Each structure stands twice: as C-alpha cells, then as structure tokens.
Amino acid sequence: MVYLRPMAKDWTNLYKKYKGLWVALAEDEVTVLGFGKTVQEALKKARIKSSKTPFLTRVPDNMNAYIGWV
C-alpha cells in the first residue's frame, strides 16, 4: 500500500517578495505564475504563462505565530 503525505513548502522567499499580495502558483506550489493586489490580477498574469488552473493564496502582511486556544 502506498501512503501519500503532504510535503511542507518553504515559502520564506515568497513572503519576502510578495507579502500582502495574491499569488498564483504552479502545481509544485512554489513557482510563481502571477501576482497582484487582487485575485483577478494574479489570475490574469498566470494565464499568460500557463493554461492550467493555478493554486491561489494570499501572502499575509506579517508572519505572526499563534500558539494556544480561544
């Protein structure tokens, strides 16, 4: 039996360059296809580079860790 487990991605450089922006990533979830202040802008740029549907995420403005409960 084969077990697939998700691999953690290092988005340190992504955060440094794109903080506060929407980013469209390729299937590897590392290669940036497009970015912008809005989802639409990121998608428009991504469609120029690839016909596949990208993985979209918003890079946070700051990297605050939360440990605990509410």
Protein backbone atom coordinates (compact mmCIF):
# COMPACT_ATOMS: atom_id res chain seq x y z
CA MET A 1 0.00 0.00 0.00
CA VAL A 2 1.28 3.48 -0.86
CA TYR A 3 0.73 6.34 1.55
CA LEU A 4 0.95 9.87 0.27
CA ARG A 5 1.76 12.56 2.76
CA PRO A 6 1.90 16.26 2.06
CA MET A 7 5.33 17.86 1.98
CA ALA A 8 5.88 21.18 3.68
CA LYS A 9 6.76 24.04 1.35
CA ASP A 10 9.26 26.73 2.24
CA TRP A 11 7.54 29.99 1.34
CA THR A 12 10.13 32.21 3.05
CA ASN A 13 11.19 33.85 -0.22
CA LEU A 14 7.58 34.06 -1.32
CA TYR A 15 6.76 36.02 1.83
CA LYS A 16 9.72 38.38 1.41
CA LYS A 17 8.82 39.30 -2.17
CA TYR A 18 5.00 39.10 -2.25
CA LYS A 19 3.75 39.93 1.27
CA GLY A 20 0.26 41.37 1.21
CA LEU A 21 -0.40 40.23 -2.37
CA TRP A 22 -2.35 37.44 -4.05
CA VAL A 23 -0.10 34.86 -5.67
CA ALA A 24 -0.93 32.29 -8.35
CA LEU A 25 1.32 29.25 -8.05
CA ALA A 26 2.02 26.34 -10.40
CA GLU A 27 1.26 22.72 -9.43
CA ASP A 28 4.52 22.49 -7.47
CA GLU A 29 3.16 25.28 -5.18
CA VAL A 30 6.50 27.09 -5.40
CA THR A 31 6.72 28.51 -8.94
CA VAL A 32 5.00 31.90 -9.14
CA LEU A 33 2.89 32.29 -12.29
CA GLY A 34 1.33 35.62 -11.36
CA PHE A 35 0.72 38.03 -8.50
CA GLY A 36 -1.28 41.15 -7.76
CA LYS A 37 -3.34 43.13 -5.30
CA THR A 38 -6.45 41.21 -6.38
CA VAL A 39 -7.19 37.60 -7.30
CA GLN A 40 -8.21 38.73 -10.77
CA GLU A 41 -4.87 40.46 -11.36
CA ALA A 42 -2.91 37.38 -10.22
CA LEU A 43 -5.03 35.09 -12.43
CA LYS A 44 -4.66 37.34 -15.47
CA LYS A 45 -0.85 37.23 -15.18
CA ALA A 46 -0.88 33.47 -14.53
CA ARG A 47 -2.96 32.73 -17.64
CA ILE A 48 -0.24 34.31 -19.79
CA LYS A 49 2.24 31.70 -18.52
CA SER A 50 0.02 28.62 -18.20
CA SER A 51 -3.35 27.29 -19.30
CA LYS A 52 -3.69 25.19 -16.13
CA THR A 53 -5.64 26.41 -13.12
CA PRO A 54 -3.16 27.79 -10.59
CA PHE A 55 -3.12 27.41 -6.83
CA LEU A 56 -4.12 30.80 -5.38
CA THR A 57 -3.13 32.12 -1.99
CA ARG A 58 -2.80 35.47 -0.31
CA VAL A 59 0.58 36.04 1.31
CA PRO A 60 -0.01 37.59 4.73
CA ASP A 61 1.24 41.07 5.59
CA ASN A 62 3.00 39.72 8.65
CA MET A 63 4.00 36.31 9.95
CA ASN A 64 2.58 36.13 13.45
CA ALA A 65 2.58 32.69 15.01
CA TYR A 66 -0.34 31.67 17.18
CA ILE A 67 0.02 29.03 19.84
CA GLY A 68 -2.79 28.35 22.26
CA TRP A 69 -6.56 28.23 22.24
CA VAL A 70 -9.54 30.52 22.31
